[in-house]
Amino acid sequence: MTPNDFRKIALSLPETAERIHMSHPDFRVAGKIFATLGYPDKTRAMVKLSSEEQHYFSKDHPEIFIPVKGAW
């Protein structure tokens, strides 16, 4: 997935706005960040998930999702 693909998917969600946070793009609904692009480096993106969602997404798609406890 390219950064533009990620951006397009994030912005397709209802009421999503793109902003900048700590020098990289983030995506928000009602002012709350749910995804970040280009962090911790330009090859990655972050999507906020519950611990349970992290477990299942990383189990089902380990080539895409890596759980990070207590971090972005």
C-alpha atoms as a PDB file:
ATOM      1  CA  MET A   1       0.000   0.000   0.000  1.00  0.00           C
ATOM      2  CA  THR A   2       1.352   3.413  -0.895  1.00  0.00           C
ATOM      3  CA  PRO A   3       1.052   6.494   1.321  1.00  0.00           C
ATOM      4  CA  ASN A   4      -1.514   7.879  -1.135  1.00  0.00           C
ATOM      5  CA  ASP A   5      -3.549   4.647  -0.910  1.00  0.00           C
ATOM      6  CA  PHE A   6      -3.521   4.899   2.890  1.00  0.00           C
ATOM      7  CA  ARG A   7      -4.522   8.575   2.749  1.00  0.00           C
ATOM      8  CA  LYS A   8      -7.352   7.835   0.295  1.00  0.00           C
ATOM      9  CA  ILE A   9      -8.764   5.075   2.512  1.00  0.00           C
ATOM     10  CA  ALA A  10      -8.493   7.167   5.677  1.00  0.00           C
ATOM     11  CA  LEU A  11     -10.143  10.188   4.060  1.00  0.00           C
ATOM     12  CA  SER A  12     -12.957   8.030   2.670  1.00  0.00           C
ATOM     13  CA  LEU A  13     -14.246   7.451   6.207  1.00  0.00           C
ATOM     14  CA  PRO A  14     -17.066   9.772   7.318  1.00  0.00           C
ATOM     15  CA  GLU A  15     -16.108  13.095   8.910  1.00  0.00           C
ATOM     16  CA  THR A  16     -12.346  12.451   8.621  1.00  0.00           C
ATOM     17  CA  ALA A  17      -9.956  15.392   8.461  1.00  0.00           C
ATOM     18  CA  GLU A  18      -6.249  15.326   7.662  1.00  0.00           C
ATOM     19  CA  ARG A  19      -3.968  17.424   9.862  1.00  0.00           C
ATOM     20  CA  ILE A  20      -0.298  17.539  10.796  1.00  0.00           C
ATOM     21  CA  HIS A  21       0.990  16.309  14.137  1.00  0.00           C
ATOM     22  CA  MET A  22       4.688  16.228  15.062  1.00  0.00           C
ATOM     23  CA  SER A  23       5.678  16.834  11.417  1.00  0.00           C
ATOM     24  CA  HIS A  24       3.675  13.989   9.874  1.00  0.00           C
ATOM     25  CA  PRO A  25       0.096  13.658   8.595  1.00  0.00           C
ATOM     26  CA  ASP A  26      -2.604  12.342  10.879  1.00  0.00           C
ATOM     27  CA  PHE A  27      -6.265  11.571  10.368  1.00  0.00           C
ATOM     28  CA  ARG A  28      -8.946  12.591  12.848  1.00  0.00           C
ATOM     29  CA  VAL A  29     -12.640  12.355  13.547  1.00  0.00           C
ATOM     30  CA  ALA A  30     -14.087  14.907  15.976  1.00  0.00           C
ATOM     31  CA  GLY A  31     -10.541  16.046  16.755  1.00  0.00           C
ATOM     32  CA  LYS A  32      -9.361  12.570  17.821  1.00  0.00           C
ATOM     33  CA  ILE A  33      -6.469  10.929  15.966  1.00  0.00           C
ATOM     34  CA  PHE A  34      -7.233   7.441  14.650  1.00  0.00           C
ATOM     35  CA  ALA A  35      -4.382   7.038  12.140  1.00  0.00           C
ATOM     36  CA  THR A  36      -0.982   8.509  11.370  1.00  0.00           C
ATOM     37  CA  LEU A  37       1.020   8.320   8.165  1.00  0.00           C
ATOM     38  CA  GLY A  38       4.823   8.197   7.990  1.00  0.00           C
ATOM     39  CA  TYR A  39       5.558   7.313  11.603  1.00  0.00           C
ATOM     40  CA  PRO A  40       7.891   5.954  12.898  1.00  0.00           C
ATOM     41  CA  ASP A  41       9.344   6.232   9.391  1.00  0.00           C
ATOM     42  CA  LYS A  42       8.135   6.954   5.855  1.00  0.00           C
ATOM     43  CA  THR A  43       7.503   3.248   5.139  1.00  0.00           C
ATOM     44  CA  ARG A  44       4.900   2.880   7.902  1.00  0.00           C
ATOM     45  CA  ALA A  45       1.530   4.062   9.094  1.00  0.00           C
ATOM     46  CA  MET A  46      -0.333   3.665  12.366  1.00  0.00           C
ATOM     47  CA  VAL A  47      -3.978   2.824  12.989  1.00  0.00           C
ATOM     48  CA  LYS A  48      -5.332   2.950  16.536  1.00  0.00           C
ATOM     49  CA  LEU A  49      -6.801  -0.400  17.506  1.00  0.00           C
ATOM     50  CA  SER A  50      -7.850  -1.952  20.793  1.00  0.00           C
ATOM     51  CA  SER A  51      -5.562  -4.630  22.265  1.00  0.00           C
ATOM     52  CA  GLU A  52      -7.968  -7.295  21.047  1.00  0.00           C
ATOM     53  CA  GLU A  53      -8.097  -5.826  17.529  1.00  0.00           C
ATOM     54  CA  GLN A  54      -4.274  -5.623  17.461  1.00  0.00           C
ATOM     55  CA  HIS A  55      -4.092  -9.283  18.419  1.00  0.00           C
ATOM     56  CA  TYR A  56      -6.424 -10.474  15.672  1.00  0.00           C
ATOM     57  CA  PHE A  57      -5.198  -8.149  12.918  1.00  0.00           C
ATOM     58  CA  SER A  58      -1.543  -9.048  13.578  1.00  0.00           C
ATOM     59  CA  LYS A  59      -2.415 -12.749  13.825  1.00  0.00           C
ATOM     60  CA  ASP A  60      -4.450 -12.761  10.603  1.00  0.00           C
ATOM     61  CA  HIS A  61      -2.192 -10.369   8.644  1.00  0.00           C
ATOM     62  CA  PRO A  62       1.330 -10.481  10.150  1.00  0.00           C
ATOM     63  CA  GLU A  63       2.865  -9.078   6.970  1.00  0.00           C
ATOM     64  CA  ILE A  64       0.843  -5.879   7.437  1.00  0.00           C
ATOM     65  CA  PHE A  65       0.055  -5.394  11.141  1.00  0.00           C
ATOM     66  CA  ILE A  66       2.524  -5.279  14.033  1.00  0.00           C
ATOM     67  CA  PRO A  67       1.109  -4.691  17.516  1.00  0.00           C
ATOM     68  CA  VAL A  68       2.801  -1.995  19.592  1.00  0.00           C
ATOM     69  CA  LYS A  69       1.638  -1.869  23.197  1.00  0.00           C
ATOM     70  CA  GLY A  70       1.468   1.592  24.696  1.00  0.00           C
ATOM     71  CA  ALA A  71       2.975   3.334  21.653  1.00  0.00           C
ATOM     72  CA  TRP A  72       1.915   4.930  18.402  1.00  0.00           C
END
